[in-house]
Amino acid sequence: MITEKKQMNNLIRIKKAQSLLEYSIYIAMAAAAFAAMFFFFRNYTAARMRSNIDTIGLGEQYEPR
């Protein structure tokens, strides 16, 4: 009977560790997705801003006189 109780405790401990590992993997995947979205959004807005500025400036760069 004592060995059965130890086995149940070990099984519960293993399941808790597995759940913790799964949650940490999910959090890491979400963080990686947000990082990728941030870089994409940053590049997209920079390209969009450059396009708009080129339209306003007729494609010329500012040259001080």
Protein backbone atom coordinates (compact mmCIF):
# COMPACT_ATOMS: atom_id res chain seq x y z
CA MET A 1 0.00 0.00 0.00
CA ILE A 2 2.85 2.39 0.71
CA THR A 3 4.41 1.77 -2.68
CA GLU A 4 1.10 2.50 -4.41
CA LYS A 5 0.90 5.84 -2.59
CA LYS A 6 4.48 6.70 -3.63
CA GLN A 7 3.70 5.77 -7.22
CA MET A 8 0.61 8.01 -7.21
CA ASN A 9 2.62 10.89 -5.75
CA ASN A 10 5.31 10.44 -8.41
CA LEU A 11 2.67 10.31 -11.15
CA ILE A 12 1.05 13.51 -9.90
CA ARG A 13 4.45 15.22 -9.68
CA ILE A 14 5.32 14.17 -13.25
CA LYS A 15 1.97 15.46 -14.56
CA LYS A 16 2.51 18.82 -12.81
CA ALA A 17 5.99 19.11 -14.32
CA GLN A 18 4.64 18.25 -17.76
CA SER A 19 1.93 20.91 -17.45
CA LEU A 20 4.47 23.51 -16.36
CA LEU A 21 6.69 22.63 -19.32
CA GLU A 22 3.77 22.87 -21.75
CA TYR A 23 2.74 26.27 -20.43
CA SER A 24 6.30 27.58 -20.64
CA ILE A 25 6.52 26.42 -24.26
CA TYR A 26 3.21 28.15 -25.06
CA ILE A 27 4.45 31.38 -23.47
CA ALA A 28 7.72 31.19 -25.41
CA MET A 29 5.84 30.63 -28.68
CA ALA A 30 3.55 33.59 -27.98
CA ALA A 31 6.55 35.81 -27.18
CA ALA A 32 8.26 34.77 -30.41
CA ALA A 33 5.09 35.51 -32.38
CA PHE A 34 4.81 38.97 -30.82
CA ALA A 35 8.47 39.68 -31.56
CA ALA A 36 8.01 38.68 -35.20
CA MET A 37 4.88 40.83 -35.45
CA PHE A 38 6.76 43.78 -33.93
CA PHE A 39 9.59 43.57 -36.48
CA PHE A 40 7.13 43.16 -39.36
CA PHE A 41 5.04 46.11 -38.18
CA ARG A 42 8.15 48.27 -37.69
CA ASN A 43 9.41 47.56 -41.20
CA TYR A 44 5.94 48.02 -42.69
CA THR A 45 5.41 51.41 -41.06
CA ALA A 46 8.90 52.59 -42.04
CA ALA A 47 8.30 51.63 -45.68
CA ARG A 48 4.87 53.24 -45.65
CA MET A 49 6.26 56.45 -44.15
CA ARG A 50 9.09 56.54 -46.68
CA SER A 51 6.60 56.07 -49.52
CA ASN A 52 4.41 58.90 -48.24
CA ILE A 53 7.39 61.22 -47.77
CA ASP A 54 8.62 60.45 -51.29
CA THR A 55 5.16 61.31 -52.62
CA ILE A 56 5.13 64.65 -50.81
CA GLY A 57 8.72 65.50 -51.78
CA LEU A 58 8.31 64.38 -55.40
CA GLY A 59 10.99 61.75 -54.87
CA GLU A 60 13.74 64.27 -54.07
CA GLN A 61 15.91 64.30 -51.01
CA TYR A 62 16.22 67.39 -48.88
CA GLU A 63 19.37 69.34 -49.70
CA PRO A 64 20.09 72.44 -47.61
CA ARG A 65 21.15 75.45 -49.67
